[in-house]
Amino acid sequence: MANTVSALKRVRVTEHRTLINRTRKTRLRHGIRAMRRLLETKDVKGATQLVPKTYSLIDRAAKWGIIKKNTAARYKSRLTIRLRKIASA
């Protein structure tokens, strides 16, 4: 266990940040999952409406450091490709 005041504070801050990061990561996963479900059911209208919200979640997660920048780009690219595929069909 930490002995100094600053070390005790770091423990408190780390626990708090861990909770926030866990919440943000969960929200990101749920957003992507909702988008993927719409794509699987071939709901073009619903998926098109959800794109801005999903992209926003992905971009914010990358900004906060929850996921890396290239990971965010990959997620968005793959979702876009799938959406275009079902929209053209």
Protein backbone atom coordinates (compact mmCIF):
# COMPACT_ATOMS: atom_id res chain seq x y z
CA MET A 1 0.00 0.00 0.00
CA ALA A 2 1.11 3.53 -0.74
CA ASN A 3 2.65 5.50 2.11
CA THR A 4 3.00 9.06 0.88
CA VAL A 5 0.20 11.54 0.41
CA SER A 6 0.95 11.91 -3.30
CA ALA A 7 1.00 8.14 -3.80
CA LEU A 8 -2.35 7.81 -2.03
CA LYS A 9 -3.76 10.52 -4.27
CA ARG A 10 -2.46 8.72 -7.38
CA VAL A 11 -4.29 5.58 -6.23
CA ARG A 12 -7.54 7.54 -5.86
CA VAL A 13 -7.14 9.27 -9.21
CA THR A 14 -6.26 6.03 -10.98
CA GLU A 15 -9.34 4.28 -9.60
CA HIS A 16 -11.55 7.18 -10.71
CA ARG A 17 -10.03 7.33 -14.20
CA THR A 18 -10.36 3.54 -14.54
CA LEU A 19 -14.11 3.79 -13.91
CA ILE A 20 -14.47 6.59 -16.46
CA ASN A 21 -12.43 4.74 -19.08
CA ARG A 22 -14.39 1.54 -18.52
CA THR A 23 -17.67 3.43 -19.01
CA ARG A 24 -16.40 5.06 -22.19
CA LYS A 25 -15.12 1.79 -23.64
CA THR A 26 -18.42 0.07 -22.87
CA ARG A 27 -20.37 2.88 -24.52
CA LEU A 28 -18.13 2.59 -27.58
CA ARG A 29 -18.59 -1.17 -27.83
CA HIS A 30 -22.38 -0.86 -27.50
CA GLY A 31 -22.50 1.81 -30.19
CA ILE A 32 -20.47 -0.26 -32.63
CA ARG A 33 -22.52 -3.34 -31.79
CA ALA A 34 -25.78 -1.50 -32.52
CA MET A 35 -24.42 -0.36 -35.87
CA ARG A 36 -23.26 -3.87 -36.77
CA ARG A 37 -26.68 -5.32 -35.89
CA LEU A 38 -28.37 -2.87 -38.24
CA LEU A 39 -25.90 -3.78 -40.97
CA GLU A 40 -26.52 -7.51 -40.42
CA THR A 41 -30.28 -7.03 -40.73
CA LYS A 42 -29.68 -4.91 -43.86
CA ASP A 43 -31.51 -1.91 -42.38
CA VAL A 44 -30.01 0.78 -44.63
CA LYS A 45 -32.19 3.62 -43.32
CA GLY A 46 -31.49 2.87 -39.66
CA ALA A 47 -27.78 2.35 -40.24
CA THR A 48 -27.52 5.60 -42.22
CA GLN A 49 -29.12 7.49 -39.35
CA LEU A 50 -26.81 5.85 -36.81
CA VAL A 51 -23.58 6.56 -38.74
CA PRO A 52 -22.92 10.07 -37.34
CA LYS A 53 -23.51 8.96 -33.75
CA THR A 54 -21.29 5.89 -34.16
CA TYR A 55 -18.51 7.87 -35.84
CA SER A 56 -18.69 10.43 -33.06
CA LEU A 57 -18.30 7.70 -30.42
CA ILE A 58 -15.34 6.24 -32.28
CA ASP A 59 -13.64 9.62 -32.75
CA ARG A 60 -14.12 10.59 -29.12
CA ALA A 61 -12.76 7.24 -27.93
CA ALA A 62 -9.66 7.82 -30.05
CA LYS A 63 -9.29 11.34 -28.71
CA TRP A 64 -9.52 10.13 -25.11
CA GLY A 65 -7.01 7.35 -25.74
CA ILE A 66 -9.47 4.51 -25.23
CA ILE A 67 -8.54 3.18 -28.67
CA LYS A 68 -5.71 4.17 -30.98
CA LYS A 69 -6.17 6.52 -33.90
CA ASN A 70 -5.56 3.83 -36.52
CA THR A 71 -8.01 1.50 -34.78
CA ALA A 72 -10.66 4.21 -34.97
CA ALA A 73 -9.94 4.71 -38.67
CA ARG A 74 -10.19 0.96 -39.26
CA TYR A 75 -13.54 0.71 -37.45
CA LYS A 76 -14.99 3.59 -39.43
CA SER A 77 -13.65 2.27 -42.72
CA ARG A 78 -15.07 -1.20 -42.23
CA LEU A 79 -18.46 0.12 -41.15
CA THR A 80 -18.56 2.40 -44.19
CA ILE A 81 -17.66 -0.44 -46.55
CA ARG A 82 -20.41 -2.65 -45.12
CA LEU A 83 -22.96 0.17 -45.28
CA ARG A 84 -22.11 0.91 -48.93
CA LYS A 85 -22.35 -2.79 -49.77
CA ILE A 86 -25.89 -3.17 -48.41
CA ALA A 87 -26.96 0.24 -49.76
CA SER A 88 -25.96 -0.68 -53.30
CA ALA A 89 -27.60 -4.11 -53.15
